[in-house]
Amino acid sequence: MQISSTERPDVVVEIEIIFCDSAEILENSSGTGRAHLVRVGKPVCKHEDLIAWQLCSHLRRLVLRYTRTGPASDDFDYRRQLRKAARSACYNTSEGFYRYRHGEFRHLLNIARGSLGEALDQIDEGADNDYFTREQHSEMRRMCLRALKANSALRKSWGDSEAPGI
């Protein structure tokens, strides 16, 4: 799976996701751009440790920032729906993590994925209605797609063989 850094969206690294009780992302010292999630004795003990949640959270911040002012802020229904979808992806990912039952976690990750899909559609609608600049639209769309990919990878790592698509 390829994913770009949240701090540097122009940098793409290839990662292998292995969900385990203790994990951390390590860069490959060979400079190949590969990173791996490996056991290193540091437990993943809060939802903020999940890459899927981090990307959803970054999307949520972008949505809140870009709908605070400008044309999107004037369309109250649109703004409310887009914000709700972005928030829902974060909330369901974190809720599933704390339930810590495979079936429940996968179920809530599926709901989060649906919210991300809804947000993606709304981001495109906002661009069609000239609510965002090209750069804003591109940044939100790219972050949403990255969050979808991370969500799918996390669902697969929990044994969901039916995690299709992105």
Protein backbone atom coordinates (compact mmCIF):
# COMPACT_ATOMS: atom_id res chain seq x y z
CA MET A 1 0.00 0.00 0.00
CA GLN A 2 1.27 3.50 -0.76
CA ILE A 3 0.50 6.43 1.49
CA SER A 4 1.90 9.94 1.80
CA SER A 5 3.03 11.56 5.00
CA THR A 6 0.50 13.81 6.77
CA GLU A 7 3.18 16.42 7.26
CA ARG A 8 4.50 16.16 3.67
CA PRO A 9 1.68 15.15 1.29
CA ASP A 10 4.11 15.27 -1.63
CA VAL A 11 6.15 12.39 -0.13
CA VAL A 12 4.73 8.93 -0.76
CA VAL A 13 6.01 5.92 1.15
CA GLU A 14 5.06 2.31 0.68
CA ILE A 15 4.00 0.62 3.90
CA GLU A 16 3.17 -2.89 4.91
CA ILE A 17 0.47 -2.85 7.56
CA ILE A 18 0.56 -5.59 10.17
CA PHE A 19 -1.76 -4.97 13.11
CA CYS A 20 -0.21 -6.18 16.32
CA ASP A 21 -0.39 -5.39 20.02
CA SER A 22 2.84 -3.36 19.86
CA ALA A 23 3.65 -1.39 16.75
CA GLU A 24 5.46 1.61 15.40
CA ILE A 25 6.23 2.90 11.93
CA LEU A 26 9.91 2.72 11.07
CA GLU A 27 11.56 4.20 7.98
CA ASN A 28 13.77 1.91 5.98
CA SER A 29 17.33 3.20 6.29
CA SER A 30 18.14 2.13 2.72
CA GLY A 31 16.27 5.19 1.41
CA THR A 32 13.89 3.11 -0.74
CA GLY A 33 10.88 4.98 0.60
CA ARG A 34 9.49 1.86 2.26
CA ALA A 35 8.25 1.88 5.83
CA HIS A 36 6.93 -1.03 7.83
CA LEU A 37 4.65 -1.39 10.83
CA VAL A 38 6.63 -3.70 13.07
CA ARG A 39 6.74 -4.90 16.69
CA VAL A 40 9.03 -2.76 18.77
CA GLY A 41 7.56 -3.08 22.24
CA LYS A 42 5.57 0.18 22.15
CA PRO A 43 1.85 -0.61 22.54
CA VAL A 44 -0.85 0.90 20.36
CA CYS A 45 -3.06 1.87 23.24
CA LYS A 46 -5.14 4.81 22.00
CA HIS A 47 -7.08 5.62 18.88
CA GLU A 48 -4.66 8.43 17.97
CA ASP A 49 -2.03 5.75 17.28
CA LEU A 50 -4.04 4.42 14.32
CA ILE A 51 -2.94 5.77 10.92
CA ALA A 52 -6.55 5.47 9.72
CA TRP A 53 -7.73 7.75 12.54
CA GLN A 54 -4.86 10.22 11.99
CA LEU A 55 -5.83 10.65 8.34
CA CYS A 56 -9.53 11.03 9.20
CA SER A 57 -8.59 13.64 11.79
CA HIS A 58 -6.51 15.54 9.26
CA LEU A 59 -9.43 15.48 6.81
CA ARG A 60 -11.75 16.74 9.55
CA ARG A 61 -9.43 19.68 10.26
CA LEU A 62 -9.29 20.55 6.55
CA VAL A 63 -13.07 20.40 6.21
CA LEU A 64 -13.59 22.57 9.27
CA ARG A 65 -11.03 25.11 8.04
CA TYR A 66 -12.36 25.33 4.47
CA THR A 67 -16.03 25.53 5.45
CA ARG A 68 -15.51 28.17 8.17
CA THR A 69 -15.51 31.06 5.66
CA GLY A 70 -16.19 31.53 1.98
CA PRO A 71 -19.02 30.21 -0.20
CA ALA A 72 -19.29 26.85 1.62
CA SER A 73 -20.00 28.64 4.90
CA ASP A 74 -23.14 30.22 3.38
CA ASP A 75 -24.73 26.89 2.40
CA PHE A 76 -25.67 25.74 5.89
CA ASP A 77 -27.09 22.32 4.91
CA TYR A 78 -24.08 21.48 2.76
CA ARG A 79 -21.60 22.66 5.40
CA ARG A 80 -23.38 20.72 8.16
CA GLN A 81 -23.50 17.48 6.11
CA LEU A 82 -19.84 17.64 5.04
CA ARG A 83 -18.69 18.39 8.58
CA LYS A 84 -20.88 15.61 9.96
CA ALA A 85 -19.44 13.06 7.50
CA ALA A 86 -15.83 14.04 8.28
CA ARG A 87 -16.49 13.90 12.03
CA SER A 88 -18.30 10.58 11.78
CA ALA A 89 -15.29 8.90 10.18
CA CYS A 90 -13.14 9.92 13.15
CA TYR A 91 -15.74 9.07 15.76
CA ASN A 92 -16.50 5.60 14.40
CA THR A 93 -12.82 4.70 14.01
CA SER A 94 -12.09 5.66 17.61
CA GLU A 95 -15.24 4.03 18.97
CA GLY A 96 -14.41 0.77 17.21
CA PHE A 97 -10.87 0.80 18.58
CA TYR A 98 -12.09 1.09 22.16
CA ARG A 99 -14.64 -1.70 21.78
CA TYR A 100 -11.71 -3.96 20.86
CA ARG A 101 -13.85 -6.80 19.59
CA HIS A 102 -12.93 -7.78 16.05
CA GLY A 103 -16.49 -7.88 14.72
CA GLU A 104 -17.51 -4.60 16.32
CA PHE A 105 -14.30 -2.87 15.23
CA ARG A 106 -14.74 -4.02 11.62
CA HIS A 107 -18.39 -2.96 11.69
CA LEU A 108 -17.52 0.55 12.92
CA LEU A 109 -14.67 0.78 10.40
CA ASN A 110 -17.23 -0.03 7.69
CA ILE A 111 -19.43 2.81 8.96
CA ALA A 112 -16.39 5.13 8.98
CA ARG A 113 -15.66 4.06 5.39
CA GLY A 114 -19.21 4.98 4.41
CA SER A 115 -18.77 8.39 6.02
CA LEU A 116 -15.53 8.92 4.11
CA GLY A 117 -17.31 7.99 0.87
CA GLU A 118 -20.04 10.49 1.69
CA ALA A 119 -17.45 13.17 2.45
CA LEU A 120 -15.67 12.46 -0.84
CA ASP A 121 -18.90 12.96 -2.77
CA GLN A 122 -19.65 16.17 -0.87
CA ILE A 123 -16.12 17.50 -1.46
CA ASP A 124 -16.63 16.98 -5.20
CA GLU A 125 -20.05 18.62 -5.03
CA GLY A 126 -18.45 21.61 -3.30
CA ALA A 127 -15.94 21.90 -6.13
CA ASP A 128 -18.76 21.72 -8.69
CA ASN A 129 -20.49 24.59 -6.88
CA ASP A 130 -17.27 26.64 -6.68
CA TYR A 131 -17.22 26.46 -2.88
CA PHE A 132 -13.49 25.65 -2.83
CA THR A 133 -10.39 26.66 -4.71
CA ARG A 134 -8.76 23.97 -6.85
CA GLU A 135 -6.04 23.61 -4.22
CA GLN A 136 -8.53 23.22 -1.36
CA HIS A 137 -10.56 20.66 -3.31
CA SER A 138 -7.44 18.72 -4.29
CA GLU A 139 -6.09 18.72 -0.72
CA MET A 140 -9.36 17.51 0.83
CA ARG A 141 -9.93 14.92 -1.91
CA ARG A 142 -6.39 13.54 -1.60
CA MET A 143 -6.69 13.31 2.20
CA CYS A 144 -10.07 11.59 1.94
CA LEU A 145 -8.70 9.00 -0.51
CA ARG A 146 -5.72 8.37 1.76
CA ALA A 147 -8.07 7.89 4.73
CA LEU A 148 -10.15 5.43 2.68
CA LYS A 149 -7.04 3.42 1.81
CA ALA A 150 -5.86 3.33 5.41
CA ASN A 151 -9.33 2.33 6.59
CA SER A 152 -9.42 -0.52 4.09
CA ALA A 153 -5.96 -1.71 5.10
CA LEU A 154 -6.89 -1.62 8.78
CA ARG A 155 -10.10 -3.59 8.13
CA LYS A 156 -8.12 -6.18 6.19
CA SER A 157 -5.59 -6.47 9.00
CA TRP A 158 -8.45 -7.37 11.36
CA GLY A 159 -9.41 -10.27 9.13
CA ASP A 160 -12.02 -8.66 6.89
CA SER A 161 -11.49 -10.55 3.65
CA GLU A 162 -14.36 -8.60 2.11
CA ALA A 163 -12.65 -5.17 2.33
CA PRO A 164 -12.99 -4.11 -1.32
CA GLY A 165 -11.85 -1.17 -3.33
CA ILE A 166 -9.64 1.70 -2.43
